Every structure is written in structure tokens, then in C-alpha cells.
C-alpha atoms as a PDB file:
ATOM      1  CA  UNK A   1     -56.120-155.077  18.279  1.00  0.00           C
ATOM      2  CA  UNK A   2     -53.509-152.584  17.845  1.00  0.00           C
ATOM      3  CA  UNK A   3     -54.763-148.983  15.678  1.00  0.00           C
ATOM      4  CA  UNK A   4     -52.370-149.623  13.137  1.00  0.00           C
ATOM      5  CA  UNK A   5     -54.710-153.480  13.069  1.00  0.00           C
ATOM      6  CA  UNK A   6     -57.643-152.189  13.495  1.00  0.00           C
ATOM      7  CA  UNK A   7     -57.524-149.115  10.850  1.00  0.00           C
ATOM      8  CA  UNK A   8     -55.698-150.561   7.937  1.00  0.00           C
ATOM      9  CA  UNK A   9     -53.995-147.833   5.451  1.00  0.00           C
ATOM     10  CA  UNK A  10     -51.128-144.434   6.134  1.00  0.00           C
ATOM     11  CA  UNK A  11     -54.033-141.722   6.581  1.00  0.00           C
ATOM     12  CA  UNK A  12     -56.579-143.299   8.608  1.00  0.00           C
ATOM     13  CA  UNK A  13     -53.802-144.496  10.929  1.00  0.00           C
ATOM     14  CA  UNK A  14     -51.738-141.267  11.271  1.00  0.00           C
ATOM     15  CA  UNK A  15     -54.769-139.754  12.654  1.00  0.00           C
ATOM     16  CA  UNK A  16     -54.606-142.407  15.218  1.00  0.00           C
ATOM     17  CA  UNK A  17     -51.042-141.094  15.853  1.00  0.00           C
ATOM     18  CA  UNK A  18     -50.992-137.270  15.151  1.00  0.00           C
ATOM     19  CA  UNK A  19     -54.973-136.679  16.586  1.00  0.00           C
ATOM     20  CA  UNK A  20     -55.913-136.484  19.893  1.00  0.00           C
ATOM     21  CA  UNK A  21     -59.474-136.576  21.265  1.00  0.00           C
ATOM     22  CA  UNK A  22     -59.457-134.156  24.205  1.00  0.00           C
ATOM     23  CA  UNK A  23     -59.564-130.235  23.236  1.00  0.00           C
ATOM     24  CA  UNK A  24     -57.722-129.305  26.779  1.00  0.00           C
ATOM     25  CA  UNK A  25     -54.593-129.712  23.769  1.00  0.00           C
ATOM     26  CA  UNK A  26     -56.080-127.233  21.009  1.00  0.00           C
ATOM     27  CA  UNK A  27     -56.254-123.134  21.822  1.00  0.00           C
ATOM     28  CA  UNK A  28     -58.865-120.937  22.041  1.00  0.00           C
ATOM     29  CA  UNK A  29     -57.309-118.145  21.175  1.00  0.00           C
ATOM     30  CA  UNK A  30     -57.407-116.393  16.964  1.00  0.00           C
ATOM     31  CA  UNK A  31     -56.074-118.335  14.090  1.00  0.00           C
ATOM     32  CA  UNK A  32     -54.785-116.581  11.844  1.00  0.00           C
ATOM     33  CA  UNK A  33     -55.130-119.543   9.587  1.00  0.00           C
ATOM     34  CA  UNK A  34     -57.897-119.905   6.670  1.00  0.00           C
ATOM     35  CA  UNK A  35     -60.124-122.886   5.923  1.00  0.00           C
ATOM     36  CA  UNK A  36     -61.811-123.484   2.883  1.00  0.00           C
ATOM     37  CA  UNK A  37     -64.733-126.623   3.354  1.00  0.00           C
ATOM     38  CA  UNK A  38     -66.063-128.577   0.371  1.00  0.00           C
ATOM     39  CA  UNK A  39     -68.955-130.351   0.802  1.00  0.00           C
ATOM     40  CA  UNK A  40     -72.763-130.833  -0.501  1.00  0.00           C
ATOM     41  CA  UNK A  41     -74.680-130.665   2.095  1.00  0.00           C
ATOM     42  CA  UNK A  42     -75.000-127.080   2.735  1.00  0.00           C
ATOM     43  CA  UNK A  43     -75.976-127.837   6.480  1.00  0.00           C
ATOM     44  CA  UNK A  44     -72.898-128.992   7.332  1.00  0.00           C
ATOM     45  CA  UNK A  45     -71.009-126.690   6.195  1.00  0.00           C
ATOM     46  CA  UNK A  46     -72.607-123.796   8.093  1.00  0.00           C
ATOM     47  CA  UNK A  47     -71.796-125.792  11.028  1.00  0.00           C
ATOM     48  CA  UNK A  48     -68.316-126.314  10.419  1.00  0.00           C
ATOM     49  CA  UNK A  49     -68.233-122.347   9.202  1.00  0.00           C
ATOM     50  CA  UNK A  50     -70.353-121.918  13.016  1.00  0.00           C
ATOM     51  CA  UNK A  51     -67.649-123.771  14.859  1.00  0.00           C
ATOM     52  CA  UNK A  52     -64.632-123.442  12.732  1.00  0.00           C
ATOM     53  CA  UNK A  53     -65.655-119.368  13.230  1.00  0.00           C
ATOM     54  CA  UNK A  54     -66.203-119.190  17.015  1.00  0.00           C
ATOM     55  CA  UNK A  55     -62.146-120.267  17.139  1.00  0.00           C
ATOM     56  CA  UNK A  56     -61.230-117.751  14.278  1.00  0.00           C
ATOM     57  CA  UNK A  57     -60.270-119.299  11.199  1.00  0.00           C
ATOM     58  CA  UNK A  58     -61.098-117.858   9.018  1.00  0.00           C
ATOM     59  CA  UNK A  59     -63.748-119.741   6.712  1.00  0.00           C
ATOM     60  CA  UNK A  60     -64.858-120.387   2.852  1.00  0.00           C
ATOM     61  CA  UNK A  61     -66.438-121.952   2.299  1.00  0.00           C
ATOM     62  CA  UNK A  62     -67.242-123.882  -1.428  1.00  0.00           C
ATOM     63  CA  UNK A  63     -70.844-126.722  -2.365  1.00  0.00           C
ATOM     64  CA  UNK A  64     -68.625-128.417  -4.815  1.00  0.00           C
ATOM     65  CA  UNK A  65     -65.355-129.578  -5.570  1.00  0.00           C
ATOM     66  CA  UNK A  66     -65.261-126.749  -8.753  1.00  0.00           C
ATOM     67  CA  UNK A  67     -65.854-124.541  -6.175  1.00  0.00           C
ATOM     68  CA  UNK A  68     -63.002-125.425  -4.475  1.00  0.00           C
ATOM     69  CA  UNK A  69     -60.497-124.971  -6.699  1.00  0.00           C
ATOM     70  CA  UNK A  70     -62.311-122.004  -7.772  1.00  0.00           C
ATOM     71  CA  UNK A  71     -62.363-120.466  -4.039  1.00  0.00           C
ATOM     72  CA  UNK A  72     -58.259-122.148  -4.082  1.00  0.00           C
ATOM     73  CA  UNK A  73     -56.981-120.054  -6.909  1.00  0.00           C
ATOM     74  CA  UNK A  74     -57.738-116.809  -5.283  1.00  0.00           C
ATOM     75  CA  UNK A  75     -56.986-117.224  -1.901  1.00  0.00           C
ATOM     76  CA  UNK A  76     -55.277-117.646   0.546  1.00  0.00           C
ATOM     77  CA  UNK A  77     -55.451-121.534   2.205  1.00  0.00           C
ATOM     78  CA  UNK A  78     -54.277-122.718   5.304  1.00  0.00           C
ATOM     79  CA  UNK A  79     -56.102-126.009   5.530  1.00  0.00           C
ATOM     80  CA  UNK A  80     -59.064-127.421   2.548  1.00  0.00           C
ATOM     81  CA  UNK A  81     -61.509-129.795   4.398  1.00  0.00           C
ATOM     82  CA  UNK A  82     -62.784-132.351   1.518  1.00  0.00           C
ATOM     83  CA  UNK A  83     -65.580-134.733   2.173  1.00  0.00           C
ATOM     84  CA  UNK A  84     -65.129-137.842   0.281  1.00  0.00           C
ATOM     85  CA  UNK A  85     -68.711-138.614  -1.579  1.00  0.00           C
ATOM     86  CA  UNK A  86     -69.607-136.034  -3.100  1.00  0.00           C
ATOM     87  CA  UNK A  87     -71.512-136.162  -7.327  1.00  0.00           C
ATOM     88  CA  UNK A  88     -69.285-134.746 -10.654  1.00  0.00           C
ATOM     89  CA  UNK A  89     -65.605-134.705  -8.777  1.00  0.00           C
ATOM     90  CA  UNK A  90     -65.146-136.846  -5.015  1.00  0.00           C
ATOM     91  CA  UNK A  91     -62.581-136.546  -2.720  1.00  0.00           C
ATOM     92  CA  UNK A  92     -60.009-137.804  -4.390  1.00  0.00           C
ATOM     93  CA  UNK A  93     -60.119-136.411  -7.510  1.00  0.00           C
ATOM     94  CA  UNK A  94     -60.821-132.987  -5.675  1.00  0.00           C
ATOM     95  CA  UNK A  95     -57.418-133.711  -3.529  1.00  0.00           C
ATOM     96  CA  UNK A  96     -55.070-134.494  -6.022  1.00  0.00           C
ATOM     97  CA  UNK A  97     -56.528-131.434  -7.781  1.00  0.00           C
ATOM     98  CA  UNK A  98     -56.049-129.735  -4.284  1.00  0.00           C
ATOM     99  CA  UNK A  99     -52.093-130.659  -4.069  1.00  0.00           C
ATOM    100  CA  UNK A 100     -50.944-129.871  -7.280  1.00  0.00           C
ATOM    101  CA  UNK A 101     -52.474-126.350  -6.725  1.00  0.00           C
ATOM    102  CA  UNK A 102     -52.139-125.523  -3.432  1.00  0.00           C
ATOM    103  CA  UNK A 103     -49.685-127.646  -2.579  1.00  0.00           C
ATOM    104  CA  UNK A 104     -48.576-126.835   1.547  1.00  0.00           C
ATOM    105  CA  UNK A 105     -51.789-126.809   2.722  1.00  0.00           C
ATOM    106  CA  UNK A 106     -53.461-129.519   4.660  1.00  0.00           C
ATOM    107  CA  UNK A 107     -55.858-131.890   3.427  1.00  0.00           C
ATOM    108  CA  UNK A 108     -58.576-133.462   5.462  1.00  0.00           C
ATOM    109  CA  UNK A 109     -60.992-135.696   4.410  1.00  0.00           C
ATOM    110  CA  UNK A 110     -64.290-136.151   5.650  1.00  0.00           C
ATOM    111  CA  UNK A 111     -66.322-139.550   4.984  1.00  0.00           C
ATOM    112  CA  UNK A 112     -69.450-140.778   6.293  1.00  0.00           C
ATOM    113  CA  UNK A 113     -69.076-144.093   5.007  1.00  0.00           C
ATOM    114  CA  UNK A 114     -67.005-146.718   6.705  1.00  0.00           C
ATOM    115  CA  UNK A 115     -64.902-148.208   3.010  1.00  0.00           C
ATOM    116  CA  UNK A 116     -62.686-145.381   1.829  1.00  0.00           C
ATOM    117  CA  UNK A 117     -61.033-146.555  -0.534  1.00  0.00           C
ATOM    118  CA  UNK A 118     -57.351-146.481   0.453  1.00  0.00           C
ATOM    119  CA  UNK A 119     -56.411-145.290  -2.640  1.00  0.00           C
ATOM    120  CA  UNK A 120     -58.092-141.603  -1.703  1.00  0.00           C
ATOM    121  CA  UNK A 121     -56.997-141.941   1.716  1.00  0.00           C
ATOM    122  CA  UNK A 122     -53.982-141.535   0.704  1.00  0.00           C
ATOM    123  CA  UNK A 123     -54.597-138.978  -1.551  1.00  0.00           C
ATOM    124  CA  UNK A 124     -55.343-136.681   2.487  1.00  0.00           C
ATOM    125  CA  UNK A 125     -53.358-135.662   5.435  1.00  0.00           C
ATOM    126  CA  UNK A 126     -55.973-136.894   7.092  1.00  0.00           C
ATOM    127  CA  UNK A 127     -58.925-139.074   7.636  1.00  0.00           C
ATOM    128  CA  UNK A 128     -61.923-138.094   9.807  1.00  0.00           C
ATOM    129  CA  UNK A 129     -64.834-140.338   9.910  1.00  0.00           C
ATOM    130  CA  UNK A 130     -68.042-137.573  10.462  1.00  0.00           C
ATOM    131  CA  UNK A 131     -69.265-139.249  13.429  1.00  0.00           C
ATOM    132  CA  UNK A 132     -66.117-137.652  14.698  1.00  0.00           C
ATOM    133  CA  UNK A 133     -65.320-134.660  13.448  1.00  0.00           C
ATOM    134  CA  UNK A 134     -66.672-132.143  16.437  1.00  0.00           C
ATOM    135  CA  UNK A 135     -64.123-134.433  18.746  1.00  0.00           C
ATOM    136  CA  UNK A 136     -60.981-134.368  15.435  1.00  0.00           C
ATOM    137  CA  UNK A 137     -61.062-131.151  13.877  1.00  0.00           C
ATOM    138  CA  UNK A 138     -59.855-128.708  15.792  1.00  0.00           C
ATOM    139  CA  UNK A 139     -57.088-131.043  16.450  1.00  0.00           C
ATOM    140  CA  UNK A 140     -56.177-132.679  13.477  1.00  0.00           C
ATOM    141  CA  UNK A 141     -55.835-129.085  12.259  1.00  0.00           C
ATOM    142  CA  UNK A 142     -53.673-127.762  15.006  1.00  0.00           C
ATOM    143  CA  UNK A 143     -50.298-130.621  14.962  1.00  0.00           C
ATOM    144  CA  UNK A 144     -50.962-130.230  10.808  1.00  0.00           C
ATOM    145  CA  UNK A 145     -50.408-126.946  10.932  1.00  0.00           C
ATOM    146  CA  UNK A 146     -47.957-127.418  13.486  1.00  0.00           C
ATOM    147  CA  UNK A 147     -45.563-129.388  10.800  1.00  0.00           C
END
């Protein structure tokens, strides 16, 4: 079964087409990009922040979609990483609002759930399953920011 048959939706297909699991392509030199991580899980936010900062990214964190939109409205943001399942505003709703606020920012959607609706997947530039986050995140950012 090919990747396009195994995974439905353009966004998921992009993940398999654009992102490579090996970290050899990702430079460990400092980046000048600002990443906004939005998730209602404070432990995951802390891990994402530490991980991305170790590669030179400037990282802003927000525990909700509302707080994330507030941060994005006052900071220059290159990449937005958003969890799909959050209270008050889910990842799809947040991605749509973020597109309006920061049209040039790359949006990466995460989820631990396997049944994310196709419409939600289309609202982001790429989707990464949380189980693959450590092996896919840096490559996703590097590849998507190259365009």
C-alpha cells in the first residue's frame, strides 16, 4: 500500500512527501525563527519549548487557543504548532483564525488521536501524530520554511 492510499487527505500526504524522519538534514545551527506552541498540556508545552530552544528557535507557549491568538497578535511568528484537541477552541478553529492573523506562518497540527477529520487536516500545512513528534518536528519546520 502506498502512502497516498494508506493516509487520506492532502495534509497527511504532505507529511509523507515533504518530511524525512532522519535528523541529518536538520542543521543544529541556531535558527532565527520564532515558534508559537499552543497546547492545553503544560508538560508537552514544556518539552516542545526545551526541544526547539535546544536547536536555536525562539519559542513562545500558550495553554489555549485564545492565549495563542493573543501572543500571535503582538509577536512576529514564523511557525505555529497547535494541538487538535483542546477545550474552548480546537486546532481546526485555531488554525483558521491563525491563517487570518498570520497568513505567512507555517501551521503544524498535532494530535494523539487517529481520527482527525479531513477538514481539520486541510486547515494546517502539515499534520504530525504526537507519537512521531520528536522524529518529525524539526524536519517539518525546516522543509516548510524553505518554501
